[in-house]
Amino acid sequence: SVRAIWKDAMTLMADGMIDRRIVTTRPKD
């Protein structure tokens, strides 16, 4: 779980550099 959080942070935070609106929800939800 800790490794998954790290990998998820890498992806979500990189996305947040492009779109200043931090979006964390998955489309299906």
mmCIF file of all heavy atoms, coordinates in Angstrom:
data_MODEL
# 
_entry.id   MODEL 
# 
loop_
_atom_site.group_PDB 
_atom_site.id 
_atom_site.type_symbol 
_atom_site.label_atom_id 
_atom_site.label_alt_id 
_atom_site.label_comp_id 
_atom_site.label_asym_id 
_atom_site.label_entity_id 
_atom_site.label_seq_id 
_atom_site.pdbx_PDB_ins_code 
_atom_site.Cartn_x 
_atom_site.Cartn_y 
_atom_site.Cartn_z 
_atom_site.occupancy 
_atom_site.B_iso_or_equiv 
_atom_site.pdbx_formal_charge 
_atom_site.auth_seq_id 
_atom_site.auth_comp_id 
_atom_site.auth_asym_id 
_atom_site.auth_atom_id 
_atom_site.pdbx_PDB_model_num 
ATOM 1   N N   . SER A 1 1  ? 0.823   -1.212 0.000   1.00 0.00 ? 1  SER A N   1 
ATOM 2   C CA  . SER A 1 1  ? 0.000   0.000  0.000   1.00 0.00 ? 1  SER A CA  1 
ATOM 3   C C   . SER A 1 1  ? 0.854   1.258  0.000   1.00 0.00 ? 1  SER A C   1 
ATOM 4   O O   . SER A 1 1  ? 0.532   2.244  -0.669  1.00 0.00 ? 1  SER A O   1 
ATOM 5   C CB  . SER A 1 1  ? -0.929  0.006  1.217   1.00 0.00 ? 1  SER A CB  1 
ATOM 6   O OG  . SER A 1 1  ? -1.873  -1.039 1.140   1.00 0.00 ? 1  SER A OG  1 
ATOM 7   N N   . VAL A 1 2  ? 1.943   1.241  0.740   1.00 0.00 ? 2  VAL A N   1 
ATOM 8   C CA  . VAL A 1 2  ? 2.829   2.406  0.779   1.00 0.00 ? 2  VAL A CA  1 
ATOM 9   C C   . VAL A 1 2  ? 3.454   2.646  -0.594  1.00 0.00 ? 2  VAL A C   1 
ATOM 10  O O   . VAL A 1 2  ? 3.534   3.782  -1.069  1.00 0.00 ? 2  VAL A O   1 
ATOM 11  C CB  . VAL A 1 2  ? 3.924   2.224  1.843   1.00 0.00 ? 2  VAL A CB  1 
ATOM 12  C CG1 . VAL A 1 2  ? 4.893   3.407  1.820   1.00 0.00 ? 2  VAL A CG1 1 
ATOM 13  C CG2 . VAL A 1 2  ? 3.298   2.103  3.232   1.00 0.00 ? 2  VAL A CG2 1 
ATOM 14  N N   . ARG A 1 3  ? 3.891   1.577  -1.243  1.00 0.00 ? 3  ARG A N   1 
ATOM 15  C CA  . ARG A 1 3  ? 4.452   1.723  -2.590  1.00 0.00 ? 3  ARG A CA  1 
ATOM 16  C C   . ARG A 1 3  ? 3.401   2.245  -3.561  1.00 0.00 ? 3  ARG A C   1 
ATOM 17  O O   . ARG A 1 3  ? 3.702   3.076  -4.440  1.00 0.00 ? 3  ARG A O   1 
ATOM 18  C CB  . ARG A 1 3  ? 4.999   0.375  -3.081  1.00 0.00 ? 3  ARG A CB  1 
ATOM 19  C CG  . ARG A 1 3  ? 6.271   -0.078 -2.367  1.00 0.00 ? 3  ARG A CG  1 
ATOM 20  C CD  . ARG A 1 3  ? 6.942   -1.212 -3.132  1.00 0.00 ? 3  ARG A CD  1 
ATOM 21  N NE  . ARG A 1 3  ? 6.081   -2.391 -3.219  1.00 0.00 ? 3  ARG A NE  1 
ATOM 22  C CZ  . ARG A 1 3  ? 6.071   -3.381 -2.336  1.00 0.00 ? 3  ARG A CZ  1 
ATOM 23  N NH1 . ARG A 1 3  ? 6.860   -3.327 -1.277  1.00 0.00 ? 3  ARG A NH1 1 
ATOM 24  N NH2 . ARG A 1 3  ? 5.271   -4.419 -2.499  1.00 0.00 ? 3  ARG A NH2 1 
ATOM 25  N N   . ALA A 1 4  ? 2.163   1.780  -3.416  1.00 0.00 ? 4  ALA A N   1 
ATOM 26  C CA  . ALA A 1 4  ? 1.087   2.238  -4.300  1.00 0.00 ? 4  ALA A CA  1 
ATOM 27  C C   . ALA A 1 4  ? 0.805   3.719  -4.098  1.00 0.00 ? 4  ALA A C   1 
ATOM 28  O O   . ALA A 1 4  ? 0.548   4.449  -5.068  1.00 0.00 ? 4  ALA A O   1 
ATOM 29  C CB  . ALA A 1 4  ? -0.174  1.415  -4.056  1.00 0.00 ? 4  ALA A CB  1 
ATOM 30  N N   . ILE A 1 5  ? 0.852   4.196  -2.854  1.00 0.00 ? 5  ILE A N   1 
ATOM 31  C CA  . ILE A 1 5  ? 0.643   5.622  -2.579  1.00 0.00 ? 5  ILE A CA  1 
ATOM 32  C C   . ILE A 1 5  ? 1.736   6.449  -3.242  1.00 0.00 ? 5  ILE A C   1 
ATOM 33  O O   . ILE A 1 5  ? 1.464   7.496  -3.849  1.00 0.00 ? 5  ILE A O   1 
ATOM 34  C CB  . ILE A 1 5  ? 0.605   5.877  -1.059  1.00 0.00 ? 5  ILE A CB  1 
ATOM 35  C CG1 . ILE A 1 5  ? -0.699  5.334  -0.463  1.00 0.00 ? 5  ILE A CG1 1 
ATOM 36  C CG2 . ILE A 1 5  ? 0.750   7.364  -0.747  1.00 0.00 ? 5  ILE A CG2 1 
ATOM 37  C CD1 . ILE A 1 5  ? -0.760  5.411  1.046   1.00 0.00 ? 5  ILE A CD1 1 
ATOM 38  N N   . TRP A 1 6  ? 2.985   6.016  -3.150  1.00 0.00 ? 6  TRP A N   1 
ATOM 39  C CA  . TRP A 1 6  ? 4.092   6.724  -3.792  1.00 0.00 ? 6  TRP A CA  1 
ATOM 40  C C   . TRP A 1 6  ? 3.884   6.826  -5.303  1.00 0.00 ? 6  TRP A C   1 
ATOM 41  O O   . TRP A 1 6  ? 4.006   7.896  -5.890  1.00 0.00 ? 6  TRP A O   1 
ATOM 42  C CB  . TRP A 1 6  ? 5.410   6.020  -3.477  1.00 0.00 ? 6  TRP A CB  1 
ATOM 43  C CG  . TRP A 1 6  ? 6.586   6.539  -4.244  1.00 0.00 ? 6  TRP A CG  1 
ATOM 44  C CD1 . TRP A 1 6  ? 7.129   6.008  -5.388  1.00 0.00 ? 6  TRP A CD1 1 
ATOM 45  C CD2 . TRP A 1 6  ? 7.377   7.696  -3.943  1.00 0.00 ? 6  TRP A CD2 1 
ATOM 46  N NE1 . TRP A 1 6  ? 8.191   6.752  -5.813  1.00 0.00 ? 6  TRP A NE1 1 
ATOM 47  C CE2 . TRP A 1 6  ? 8.370   7.795  -4.948  1.00 0.00 ? 6  TRP A CE2 1 
ATOM 48  C CE3 . TRP A 1 6  ? 7.346   8.640  -2.910  1.00 0.00 ? 6  TRP A CE3 1 
ATOM 49  C CZ2 . TRP A 1 6  ? 9.322   8.814  -4.950  1.00 0.00 ? 6  TRP A CZ2 1 
ATOM 50  C CZ3 . TRP A 1 6  ? 8.289   9.657  -2.925  1.00 0.00 ? 6  TRP A CZ3 1 
ATOM 51  C CH2 . TRP A 1 6  ? 9.262   9.731  -3.935  1.00 0.00 ? 6  TRP A CH2 1 
ATOM 52  N N   . LYS A 1 7  ? 3.538   5.705  -5.935  1.00 0.00 ? 7  LYS A N   1 
ATOM 53  C CA  . LYS A 1 7  ? 3.339   5.703  -7.386  1.00 0.00 ? 7  LYS A CA  1 
ATOM 54  C C   . LYS A 1 7  ? 2.139   6.575  -7.769  1.00 0.00 ? 7  LYS A C   1 
ATOM 55  O O   . LYS A 1 7  ? 2.169   7.289  -8.776  1.00 0.00 ? 7  LYS A O   1 
ATOM 56  C CB  . LYS A 1 7  ? 3.146   4.273  -7.887  1.00 0.00 ? 7  LYS A CB  1 
ATOM 57  C CG  . LYS A 1 7  ? 4.406   3.425  -7.802  1.00 0.00 ? 7  LYS A CG  1 
ATOM 58  C CD  . LYS A 1 7  ? 4.169   2.023  -8.333  1.00 0.00 ? 7  LYS A CD  1 
ATOM 59  C CE  . LYS A 1 7  ? 5.432   1.177  -8.252  1.00 0.00 ? 7  LYS A CE  1 
ATOM 60  N NZ  . LYS A 1 7  ? 5.205   -0.210 -8.745  1.00 0.00 ? 7  LYS A NZ  1 
ATOM 61  N N   . ASP A 1 8  ? 1.087   6.507  -6.961  1.00 0.00 ? 8  ASP A N   1 
ATOM 62  C CA  . ASP A 1 8  ? -0.091  7.324  -7.225  1.00 0.00 ? 8  ASP A CA  1 
ATOM 63  C C   . ASP A 1 8  ? 0.246   8.804  -7.088  1.00 0.00 ? 8  ASP A C   1 
ATOM 64  O O   . ASP A 1 8  ? -0.213  9.642  -7.876  1.00 0.00 ? 8  ASP A O   1 
ATOM 65  C CB  . ASP A 1 8  ? -1.204  6.937  -6.254  1.00 0.00 ? 8  ASP A CB  1 
ATOM 66  C CG  . ASP A 1 8  ? -2.599  7.231  -6.783  1.00 0.00 ? 8  ASP A CG  1 
ATOM 67  O OD1 . ASP A 1 8  ? -2.754  7.362  -8.018  1.00 0.00 ? 8  ASP A OD1 1 
ATOM 68  O OD2 . ASP A 1 8  ? -3.534  7.321  -5.967  1.00 0.00 ? 8  ASP A OD2 1 
ATOM 69  N N   . ALA A 1 9  ? 1.059   9.141  -6.075  1.00 0.00 ? 9  ALA A N   1 
ATOM 70  C CA  . ALA A 1 9  ? 1.469   10.535 -5.888  1.00 0.00 ? 9  ALA A CA  1 
ATOM 71  C C   . ALA A 1 9  ? 2.270   11.035 -7.088  1.00 0.00 ? 9  ALA A C   1 
ATOM 72  O O   . ALA A 1 9  ? 2.090   12.176 -7.540  1.00 0.00 ? 9  ALA A O   1 
ATOM 73  C CB  . ALA A 1 9  ? 2.288   10.674 -4.615  1.00 0.00 ? 9  ALA A CB  1 
ATOM 74  N N   . MET A 1 10 ? 3.147   10.204 -7.611  1.00 0.00 ? 10 MET A N   1 
ATOM 75  C CA  . MET A 1 10 ? 3.937   10.598 -8.775  1.00 0.00 ? 10 MET A CA  1 
ATOM 76  C C   . MET A 1 10 ? 3.030   10.978 -9.942  1.00 0.00 ? 10 MET A C   1 
ATOM 77  O O   . MET A 1 10 ? 3.248   11.988 -10.625 1.00 0.00 ? 10 MET A O   1 
ATOM 78  C CB  . MET A 1 10 ? 4.870   9.454  -9.182  1.00 0.00 ? 10 MET A CB  1 
ATOM 79  C CG  . MET A 1 10 ? 5.973   9.154  -8.189  1.00 0.00 ? 10 MET A CG  1 
ATOM 80  S SD  . MET A 1 10 ? 6.914   7.660  -8.633  1.00 0.00 ? 10 MET A SD  1 
ATOM 81  C CE  . MET A 1 10 ? 7.694   8.202  -10.163 1.00 0.00 ? 10 MET A CE  1 
ATOM 82  N N   . THR A 1 11 ? 1.987   10.188 -10.159 1.00 0.00 ? 11 THR A N   1 
ATOM 83  C CA  . THR A 1 11 ? 1.082   10.426 -11.282 1.00 0.00 ? 11 THR A CA  1 
ATOM 84  C C   . THR A 1 11 ? 0.174   11.628 -11.040 1.00 0.00 ? 11 THR A C   1 
ATOM 85  O O   . THR A 1 11 ? 0.070   12.529 -11.879 1.00 0.00 ? 11 THR A O   1 
ATOM 86  C CB  . THR A 1 11 ? 0.222   9.181  -11.540 1.00 0.00 ? 11 THR A CB  1 
ATOM 87  O OG1 . THR A 1 11 ? 1.071   8.076  -11.861 1.00 0.00 ? 11 THR A OG1 1 
ATOM 88  C CG2 . THR A 1 11 ? -0.743  9.412  -12.687 1.00 0.00 ? 11 THR A CG2 1 
ATOM 89  N N   . LEU A 1 12 ? -0.489  11.653 -9.882  1.00 0.00 ? 12 LEU A N   1 
ATOM 90  C CA  . LEU A 1 12 ? -1.450  12.720 -9.609  1.00 0.00 ? 12 LEU A CA  1 
ATOM 91  C C   . LEU A 1 12 ? -0.784  14.082 -9.519  1.00 0.00 ? 12 LEU A C   1 
ATOM 92  O O   . LEU A 1 12 ? -1.316  15.084 -10.020 1.00 0.00 ? 12 LEU A O   1 
ATOM 93  C CB  . LEU A 1 12 ? -2.195  12.430 -8.308  1.00 0.00 ? 12 LEU A CB  1 
ATOM 94  C CG  . LEU A 1 12 ? -3.177  11.256 -8.306  1.00 0.00 ? 12 LEU A CG  1 
ATOM 95  C CD1 . LEU A 1 12 ? -3.811  11.108 -6.932  1.00 0.00 ? 12 LEU A CD1 1 
ATOM 96  C CD2 . LEU A 1 12 ? -4.252  11.434 -9.363  1.00 0.00 ? 12 LEU A CD2 1 
ATOM 97  N N   . MET A 1 13 ? 0.397   14.138 -8.900  1.00 0.00 ? 13 MET A N   1 
ATOM 98  C CA  . MET A 1 13 ? 1.069   15.427 -8.744  1.00 0.00 ? 13 MET A CA  1 
ATOM 99  C C   . MET A 1 13 ? 1.628   15.919 -10.075 1.00 0.00 ? 13 MET A C   1 
ATOM 100 O O   . MET A 1 13 ? 1.633   17.121 -10.346 1.00 0.00 ? 13 MET A O   1 
ATOM 101 C CB  . MET A 1 13 ? 2.146   15.325 -7.675  1.00 0.00 ? 13 MET A CB  1 
ATOM 102 C CG  . MET A 1 13 ? 1.563   15.058 -6.288  1.00 0.00 ? 13 MET A CG  1 
ATOM 103 S SD  . MET A 1 13 ? 2.805   14.799 -4.992  1.00 0.00 ? 13 MET A SD  1 
ATOM 104 C CE  . MET A 1 13 ? 3.385   16.488 -4.749  1.00 0.00 ? 13 MET A CE  1 
ATOM 105 N N   . ALA A 1 14 ? 2.080   14.998 -10.906 1.00 0.00 ? 14 ALA A N   1 
ATOM 106 C CA  . ALA A 1 14 ? 2.537   15.396 -12.244 1.00 0.00 ? 14 ALA A CA  1 
ATOM 107 C C   . ALA A 1 14 ? 1.371   15.940 -13.065 1.00 0.00 ? 14 ALA A C   1 
ATOM 108 O O   . ALA A 1 14 ? 1.503   16.937 -13.786 1.00 0.00 ? 14 ALA A O   1 
ATOM 109 C CB  . ALA A 1 14 ? 3.185   14.211 -12.948 1.00 0.00 ? 14 ALA A CB  1 
ATOM 110 N N   . ASP A 1 15 ? 0.212   15.301 -12.948 1.00 0.00 ? 15 ASP A N   1 
ATOM 111 C CA  . ASP A 1 15 ? -0.973  15.809 -13.635 1.00 0.00 ? 15 ASP A CA  1 
ATOM 112 C C   . ASP A 1 15 ? -1.340  17.194 -13.117 1.00 0.00 ? 15 ASP A C   1 
ATOM 113 O O   . ASP A 1 15 ? -1.779  18.066 -13.875 1.00 0.00 ? 15 ASP A O   1 
ATOM 114 C CB  . ASP A 1 15 ? -2.160  14.861 -13.429 1.00 0.00 ? 15 ASP A CB  1 
ATOM 115 C CG  . ASP A 1 15 ? -2.001  13.541 -14.170 1.00 0.00 ? 15 ASP A CG  1 
ATOM 116 O OD1 . ASP A 1 15 ? -1.132  13.471 -15.074 1.00 0.00 ? 15 ASP A OD1 1 
ATOM 117 O OD2 . ASP A 1 15 ? -2.731  12.589 -13.847 1.00 0.00 ? 15 ASP A OD2 1 
ATOM 118 N N   . GLY A 1 16 ? -1.152  17.410 -11.815 1.00 0.00 ? 16 GLY A N   1 
ATOM 119 C CA  . GLY A 1 16 ? -1.477  18.696 -11.212 1.00 0.00 ? 16 GLY A CA  1 
ATOM 120 C C   . GLY A 1 16 ? -0.557  19.816 -11.653 1.00 0.00 ? 16 GLY A C   1 
ATOM 121 O O   . GLY A 1 16 ? -0.890  20.988 -11.492 1.00 0.00 ? 16 GLY A O   1 
ATOM 122 N N   . MET A 1 17 ? 0.606   19.484 -12.194 1.00 0.00 ? 17 MET A N   1 
ATOM 123 C CA  . MET A 1 17 ? 1.504   20.503 -12.738 1.00 0.00 ? 17 MET A CA  1 
ATOM 124 C C   . MET A 1 17 ? 0.964   21.044 -14.058 1.00 0.00 ? 17 MET A C   1 
ATOM 125 O O   . MET A 1 17 ? 1.236   22.186 -14.436 1.00 0.00 ? 17 MET A O   1 
ATOM 126 C CB  . MET A 1 17 ? 2.897   19.922 -12.971 1.00 0.00 ? 17 MET A CB  1 
ATOM 127 C CG  . MET A 1 17 ? 3.674   19.634 -11.717 1.00 0.00 ? 17 MET A CG  1 
ATOM 128 S SD  . MET A 1 17 ? 5.291   18.933 -12.098 1.00 0.00 ? 17 MET A SD  1 
ATOM 129 C CE  . MET A 1 17 ? 6.060   20.279 -13.030 1.00 0.00 ? 17 MET A CE  1 
ATOM 130 N N   . ILE A 1 18 ? 0.216   20.227 -14.766 1.00 0.00 ? 18 ILE A N   1 
ATOM 131 C CA  . ILE A 1 18 ? -0.319  20.621 -16.069 1.00 0.00 ? 18 ILE A CA  1 
ATOM 132 C C   . ILE A 1 18 ? -1.633  21.367 -15.894 1.00 0.00 ? 18 ILE A C   1 
ATOM 133 O O   . ILE A 1 18 ? -1.852  22.443 -16.440 1.00 0.00 ? 18 ILE A O   1 
ATOM 134 C CB  . ILE A 1 18 ? -0.511  19.378 -16.957 1.00 0.00 ? 18 ILE A CB  1 
ATOM 135 C CG1 . ILE A 1 18 ? 0.840   18.672 -17.170 1.00 0.00 ? 18 ILE A CG1 1 
ATOM 136 C CG2 . ILE A 1 18 ? -1.133  19.765 -18.297 1.00 0.00 ? 18 ILE A CG2 1 
ATOM 137 C CD1 . ILE A 1 18 ? 0.726   17.319 -17.820 1.00 0.00 ? 18 ILE A CD1 1 
ATOM 138 N N   . ASP A 1 19 ? -2.528  20.758 -15.121 1.00 0.00 ? 19 ASP A N   1 
ATOM 139 C CA  . ASP A 1 19 ? -3.824  21.361 -14.846 1.00 0.00 ? 19 ASP A CA  1 
ATOM 140 C C   . ASP A 1 19 ? -3.806  21.838 -13.403 1.00 0.00 ? 19 ASP A C   1 
ATOM 141 O O   . ASP A 1 19 ? -3.799  21.045 -12.480 1.00 0.00 ? 19 ASP A O   1 
ATOM 142 C CB  . ASP A 1 19 ? -4.925  20.314 -15.052 1.00 0.00 ? 19 ASP A CB  1 
ATOM 143 C CG  . ASP A 1 19 ? -6.322  20.896 -14.861 1.00 0.00 ? 19 ASP A CG  1 
ATOM 144 O OD1 . ASP A 1 19 ? -6.423  22.074 -14.465 1.00 0.00 ? 19 ASP A OD1 1 
ATOM 145 O OD2 . ASP A 1 19 ? -7.297  20.176 -15.100 1.00 0.00 ? 19 ASP A OD2 1 
ATOM 146 N N   . ARG A 1 20 ? -3.806  23.150 -13.185 1.00 0.00 ? 20 ARG A N   1 
ATOM 147 C CA  . ARG A 1 20 ? -3.685  23.682 -11.825 1.00 0.00 ? 20 ARG A CA  1 
ATOM 148 C C   . ARG A 1 20 ? -4.876  23.279 -10.960 1.00 0.00 ? 20 ARG A C   1 
ATOM 149 O O   . ARG A 1 20 ? -4.813  23.349 -9.746  1.00 0.00 ? 20 ARG A O   1 
ATOM 150 C CB  . ARG A 1 20 ? -3.546  25.193 -11.869 1.00 0.00 ? 20 ARG A CB  1 
ATOM 151 C CG  . ARG A 1 20 ? -2.271  25.633 -12.560 1.00 0.00 ? 20 ARG A CG  1 
ATOM 152 C CD  . ARG A 1 20 ? -2.121  27.121 -12.511 1.00 0.00 ? 20 ARG A CD  1 
ATOM 153 N NE  . ARG A 1 20 ? -1.906  27.602 -11.159 1.00 0.00 ? 20 ARG A NE  1 
ATOM 154 C CZ  . ARG A 1 20 ? -1.988  28.875 -10.812 1.00 0.00 ? 20 ARG A CZ  1 
ATOM 155 N NH1 . ARG A 1 20 ? -2.312  29.774 -11.714 1.00 0.00 ? 20 ARG A NH1 1 
ATOM 156 N NH2 . ARG A 1 20 ? -1.765  29.248 -9.578  1.00 0.00 ? 20 ARG A NH2 1 
ATOM 157 N N   . ARG A 1 21 ? -5.967  22.833 -11.572 1.00 0.00 ? 21 ARG A N   1 
ATOM 158 C CA  . ARG A 1 21 ? -7.078  22.279 -10.808 1.00 0.00 ? 21 ARG A CA  1 
ATOM 159 C C   . ARG A 1 21 ? -6.738  20.823 -10.510 1.00 0.00 ? 21 ARG A C   1 
ATOM 160 O O   . ARG A 1 21 ? -6.672  19.986 -11.397 1.00 0.00 ? 21 ARG A O   1 
ATOM 161 C CB  . ARG A 1 21 ? -8.371  22.365 -11.615 1.00 0.00 ? 21 ARG A CB  1 
ATOM 162 C CG  . ARG A 1 21 ? -9.589  21.889 -10.850 1.00 0.00 ? 21 ARG A CG  1 
ATOM 163 C CD  . ARG A 1 21 ? -10.853 21.994 -11.666 1.00 0.00 ? 21 ARG A CD  1 
ATOM 164 N NE  . ARG A 1 21 ? -10.865 21.058 -12.771 1.00 0.00 ? 21 ARG A NE  1 
ATOM 165 C CZ  . ARG A 1 21 ? -11.998 20.597 -13.319 1.00 0.00 ? 21 ARG A CZ  1 
ATOM 166 N NH1 . ARG A 1 21 ? -13.166 21.006 -12.864 1.00 0.00 ? 21 ARG A NH1 1 
ATOM 167 N NH2 . ARG A 1 21 ? -11.949 19.764 -14.331 1.00 0.00 ? 21 ARG A NH2 1 
ATOM 168 N N   . ILE A 1 22 ? -6.480  20.534 -9.229  1.00 0.00 ? 22 ILE A N   1 
ATOM 169 C CA  . ILE A 1 22 ? -6.103  19.181 -8.855  1.00 0.00 ? 22 ILE A CA  1 
ATOM 170 C C   . ILE A 1 22 ? -7.317  18.270 -8.959  1.00 0.00 ? 22 ILE A C   1 
ATOM 171 O O   . ILE A 1 22 ? -8.310  18.451 -8.249  1.00 0.00 ? 22 ILE A O   1 
ATOM 172 C CB  . ILE A 1 22 ? -5.526  19.150 -7.422  1.00 0.00 ? 22 ILE A CB  1 
ATOM 173 C CG1 . ILE A 1 22 ? -4.254  19.987 -7.349  1.00 0.00 ? 22 ILE A CG1 1 
ATOM 174 C CG2 . ILE A 1 22 ? -5.248  17.724 -6.975  1.00 0.00 ? 22 ILE A CG2 1 
ATOM 175 C CD1 . ILE A 1 22 ? -3.687  20.124 -5.942  1.00 0.00 ? 22 ILE A CD1 1 
ATOM 176 N N   . VAL A 1 23 ? -7.254  17.308 -9.860  1.00 0.00 ? 23 VAL A N   1 
ATOM 177 C CA  . VAL A 1 23 ? -8.343  16.350 -10.070 1.00 0.00 ? 23 VAL A CA  1 
ATOM 178 C C   . VAL A 1 23 ? -7.848  14.970 -9.657  1.00 0.00 ? 23 VAL A C   1 
ATOM 179 O O   . VAL A 1 23 ? -6.855  14.474 -10.180 1.00 0.00 ? 23 VAL A O   1 
ATOM 180 C CB  . VAL A 1 23 ? -8.790  16.325 -11.541 1.00 0.00 ? 23 VAL A CB  1 
ATOM 181 C CG1 . VAL A 1 23 ? -9.894  15.283 -11.745 1.00 0.00 ? 23 VAL A CG1 1 
ATOM 182 C CG2 . VAL A 1 23 ? -9.271  17.700 -11.985 1.00 0.00 ? 23 VAL A CG2 1 
ATOM 183 N N   . THR A 1 24 ? -8.538  14.352 -8.714  1.00 0.00 ? 24 THR A N   1 
ATOM 184 C CA  . THR A 1 24 ? -8.097  13.066 -8.191  1.00 0.00 ? 24 THR A CA  1 
ATOM 185 C C   . THR A 1 24 ? -9.125  11.950 -8.373  1.00 0.00 ? 24 THR A C   1 
ATOM 186 O O   . THR A 1 24 ? -8.831  10.793 -8.106  1.00 0.00 ? 24 THR A O   1 
ATOM 187 C CB  . THR A 1 24 ? -7.782  13.182 -6.682  1.00 0.00 ? 24 THR A CB  1 
ATOM 188 O OG1 . THR A 1 24 ? -8.938  13.667 -6.007  1.00 0.00 ? 24 THR A OG1 1 
ATOM 189 C CG2 . THR A 1 24 ? -6.612  14.126 -6.446  1.00 0.00 ? 24 THR A CG2 1 
ATOM 190 N N   . THR A 1 25 ? -10.326 12.283 -8.828  1.00 0.00 ? 25 THR A N   1 
ATOM 191 C CA  . THR A 1 25 ? -11.355 11.262 -9.007  1.00 0.00 ? 25 THR A CA  1 
ATOM 192 C C   . THR A 1 25 ? -11.173 10.527 -10.326 1.00 0.00 ? 25 THR A C   1 
ATOM 193 O O   . THR A 1 25 ? -10.721 11.094 -11.318 1.00 0.00 ? 25 THR A O   1 
ATOM 194 C CB  . THR A 1 25 ? -12.757 11.882 -8.967  1.00 0.00 ? 25 THR A CB  1 
ATOM 195 O OG1 . THR A 1 25 ? -12.809 12.980 -9.896  1.00 0.00 ? 25 THR A OG1 1 
ATOM 196 C CG2 . THR A 1 25 ? -13.089 12.391 -7.582  1.00 0.00 ? 25 THR A CG2 1 
ATOM 197 N N   . ARG A 1 26 ? -11.579 9.271  -10.328 1.00 0.00 ? 26 ARG A N   1 
ATOM 198 C CA  . ARG A 1 26 ? -11.570 8.462  -11.549 1.00 0.00 ? 26 ARG A CA  1 
ATOM 199 C C   . ARG A 1 26 ? -12.891 8.676  -12.278 1.00 0.00 ? 26 ARG A C   1 
ATOM 200 O O   . ARG A 1 26 ? -13.947 8.783  -11.640 1.00 0.00 ? 26 ARG A O   1 
ATOM 201 C CB  . ARG A 1 26 ? -11.371 6.988  -11.208 1.00 0.00 ? 26 ARG A CB  1 
ATOM 202 C CG  . ARG A 1 26 ? -10.038 6.694  -10.519 1.00 0.00 ? 26 ARG A CG  1 
ATOM 203 C CD  . ARG A 1 26 ? -9.929  5.219  -10.158 1.00 0.00 ? 26 ARG A CD  1 
ATOM 204 N NE  . ARG A 1 26 ? -8.599  4.896  -9.614  1.00 0.00 ? 26 ARG A NE  1 
ATOM 205 C CZ  . ARG A 1 26 ? -8.298  4.897  -8.320  1.00 0.00 ? 26 ARG A CZ  1 
ATOM 206 N NH1 . ARG A 1 26 ? -9.243  5.213  -7.421  1.00 0.00 ? 26 ARG A NH1 1 
ATOM 207 N NH2 . ARG A 1 26 ? -7.085  4.584  -7.909  1.00 0.00 ? 26 ARG A NH2 1 
ATOM 208 N N   . PRO A 1 27 ? -12.863 8.737  -13.614 1.00 0.00 ? 27 PRO A N   1 
ATOM 209 C CA  . PRO A 1 27 ? -14.104 9.010  -14.357 1.00 0.00 ? 27 PRO A CA  1 
ATOM 210 C C   . PRO A 1 27 ? -15.260 8.097  -13.974 1.00 0.00 ? 27 PRO A C   1 
ATOM 211 O O   . PRO A 1 27 ? -16.410 8.547  -13.871 1.00 0.00 ? 27 PRO A O   1 
ATOM 212 C CB  . PRO A 1 27 ? -13.680 8.810  -15.812 1.00 0.00 ? 27 PRO A CB  1 
ATOM 213 C CG  . PRO A 1 27 ? -12.233 9.170  -15.823 1.00 0.00 ? 27 PRO A CG  1 
ATOM 214 C CD  . PRO A 1 27 ? -11.700 8.665  -14.515 1.00 0.00 ? 27 PRO A CD  1 
ATOM 215 N N   . LYS A 1 28 ? -14.997 6.813  -13.717 1.00 0.00 ? 28 LYS A N   1 
ATOM 216 C CA  . LYS A 1 28 ? -16.073 5.863  -13.420 1.00 0.00 ? 28 LYS A CA  1 
ATOM 217 C C   . LYS A 1 28 ? -16.792 6.179  -12.105 1.00 0.00 ? 28 LYS A C   1 
ATOM 218 O O   . LYS A 1 28 ? -17.927 5.743  -11.890 1.00 0.00 ? 28 LYS A O   1 
ATOM 219 C CB  . LYS A 1 28 ? -15.524 4.441  -13.371 1.00 0.00 ? 28 LYS A CB  1 
ATOM 220 C CG  . LYS A 1 28 ? -14.546 4.166  -12.230 1.00 0.00 ? 28 LYS A CG  1 
ATOM 221 C CD  . LYS A 1 28 ? -14.014 2.740  -12.299 1.00 0.00 ? 28 LYS A CD  1 
ATOM 222 C CE  . LYS A 1 28 ? -13.038 2.446  -11.158 1.00 0.00 ? 28 LYS A CE  1 
ATOM 223 N NZ  . LYS A 1 28 ? -13.728 2.456  -9.851  1.00 0.00 ? 28 LYS A NZ  1 
ATOM 224 N N   . ASP A 1 29 ? -16.151 6.951  -11.222 1.00 0.00 ? 29 ASP A N   1 
ATOM 225 C CA  . ASP A 1 29 ? -16.740 7.271  -9.928  1.00 0.00 ? 29 ASP A CA  1 
ATOM 226 C C   . ASP A 1 29 ? -17.481 8.608  -9.923  1.00 0.00 ? 29 ASP A C   1 
ATOM 227 O O   . ASP A 1 29 ? -18.120 8.952  -8.915  1.00 0.00 ? 29 ASP A O   1 
ATOM 228 C CB  . ASP A 1 29 ? -15.651 7.307  -8.845  1.00 0.00 ? 29 ASP A CB  1 
ATOM 229 C CG  . ASP A 1 29 ? -15.022 5.943  -8.612  1.00 0.00 ? 29 ASP A CG  1 
ATOM 230 O OD1 . ASP A 1 29 ? -15.716 4.928  -8.794  1.00 0.00 ? 29 ASP A OD1 1 
ATOM 231 O OD2 . ASP A 1 29 ? -13.832 5.908  -8.246  1.00 0.00 ? 29 ASP A OD2 1 
# 
